[in-house]
Amino acid sequence: MDQEQEIKNLVIARLGVLPEDIGISIGSSGSFNKEEMIAHVKSGDEIGQKITKVEMDFLKGLKQGVHYGKEDHLGNPA
């Protein structure tokens, strides 16, 4: 399995555990429910790529402690 597919699988797994009533809005692209988000990630279209980037940026921030107050919004130690 290549790295791109592994990332898709990770994002799909994260989206899969969200509550059914969760949705997101992506600017002028529209609003998407959980199942639509998963379908877009699976297809790898532009929306799916945006969702994947947001999820991966979140995970990278989590790893760096950004989401736990170790750094401020600019990446400086808190």
Protein backbone atom coordinates (compact mmCIF):
# COMPACT_ATOMS: atom_id res chain seq x y z
CA MET A 1 0.00 0.00 0.00
CA ASP A 2 1.43 3.39 -0.92
CA GLN A 3 1.66 6.35 1.44
CA GLU A 4 -1.19 8.25 -0.25
CA GLN A 5 -3.56 5.32 0.30
CA GLU A 6 -2.42 4.96 3.92
CA ILE A 7 -3.19 8.64 4.53
CA LYS A 8 -6.62 8.27 2.91
CA ASN A 9 -7.32 5.24 5.10
CA LEU A 10 -6.28 7.17 8.21
CA VAL A 11 -8.52 10.12 7.34
CA ILE A 12 -11.44 7.82 6.48
CA ALA A 13 -11.01 6.04 9.82
CA ARG A 14 -11.01 9.38 11.68
CA LEU A 15 -14.11 10.54 9.83
CA GLY A 16 -15.78 7.19 10.45
CA VAL A 17 -15.84 7.69 14.21
CA LEU A 18 -17.50 11.11 14.01
CA PRO A 19 -21.13 11.38 15.12
CA GLU A 20 -23.62 10.97 12.27
CA ASP A 21 -24.89 14.53 12.61
CA ILE A 22 -21.46 16.15 12.08
CA GLY A 23 -20.87 18.17 8.95
CA ILE A 24 -18.49 20.77 7.61
CA SER A 25 -18.72 23.72 5.29
CA ILE A 26 -15.91 24.33 2.82
CA GLY A 27 -16.26 27.88 1.55
CA SER A 28 -18.11 28.14 -1.74
CA SER A 29 -17.83 24.37 -2.27
CA GLY A 30 -20.77 23.76 0.06
CA SER A 31 -21.61 21.77 3.16
CA PHE A 32 -20.90 18.07 3.55
CA ASN A 33 -22.16 15.45 5.98
CA LYS A 34 -20.02 12.62 7.33
CA GLU A 35 -20.79 10.17 4.52
CA GLU A 36 -20.20 12.80 1.84
CA MET A 37 -16.84 13.68 3.40
CA ILE A 38 -15.80 10.03 3.39
CA ALA A 39 -16.91 9.63 -0.25
CA HIS A 40 -14.88 12.68 -1.29
CA VAL A 41 -11.77 11.43 0.52
CA LYS A 42 -12.16 8.00 -1.09
CA SER A 43 -12.48 9.53 -4.56
CA GLY A 44 -9.50 11.82 -4.00
CA ASP A 45 -11.25 14.75 -5.66
CA GLU A 46 -10.57 18.39 -4.79
CA ILE A 47 -12.93 18.37 -1.80
CA GLY A 48 -11.45 15.10 -0.55
CA GLN A 49 -7.96 16.54 -0.84
CA LYS A 50 -9.01 19.60 1.20
CA ILE A 51 -10.55 17.40 3.89
CA THR A 52 -7.41 15.24 3.95
CA LYS A 53 -5.16 18.30 4.28
CA VAL A 54 -7.20 19.67 7.18
CA GLU A 55 -7.12 16.32 8.99
CA MET A 56 -3.40 15.85 8.42
CA ASP A 57 -2.63 19.42 9.53
CA PHE A 58 -4.65 18.74 12.69
CA LEU A 59 -2.73 15.53 13.39
CA LYS A 60 0.63 17.22 12.79
CA GLY A 61 -0.39 20.02 15.16
CA LEU A 62 -1.50 17.46 17.71
CA LYS A 63 1.88 15.74 17.50
CA GLN A 64 3.65 19.08 18.01
CA GLY A 65 1.44 19.96 20.98
CA VAL A 66 -0.21 22.92 19.27
CA HIS A 67 -3.70 21.71 20.24
CA TYR A 68 -2.76 21.19 23.88
CA GLY A 69 -1.58 24.69 24.70
CA LYS A 70 2.13 23.99 24.46
CA GLU A 71 2.31 26.62 21.74
CA ASP A 72 0.27 29.67 20.86
CA HIS A 73 -1.48 30.10 17.50
CA LEU A 74 1.82 31.29 15.96
CA GLY A 75 3.74 28.23 17.13
CA ASN A 76 5.52 30.01 19.99
CA PRO A 77 5.85 28.28 23.37
CA ALA A 78 2.96 29.22 25.65
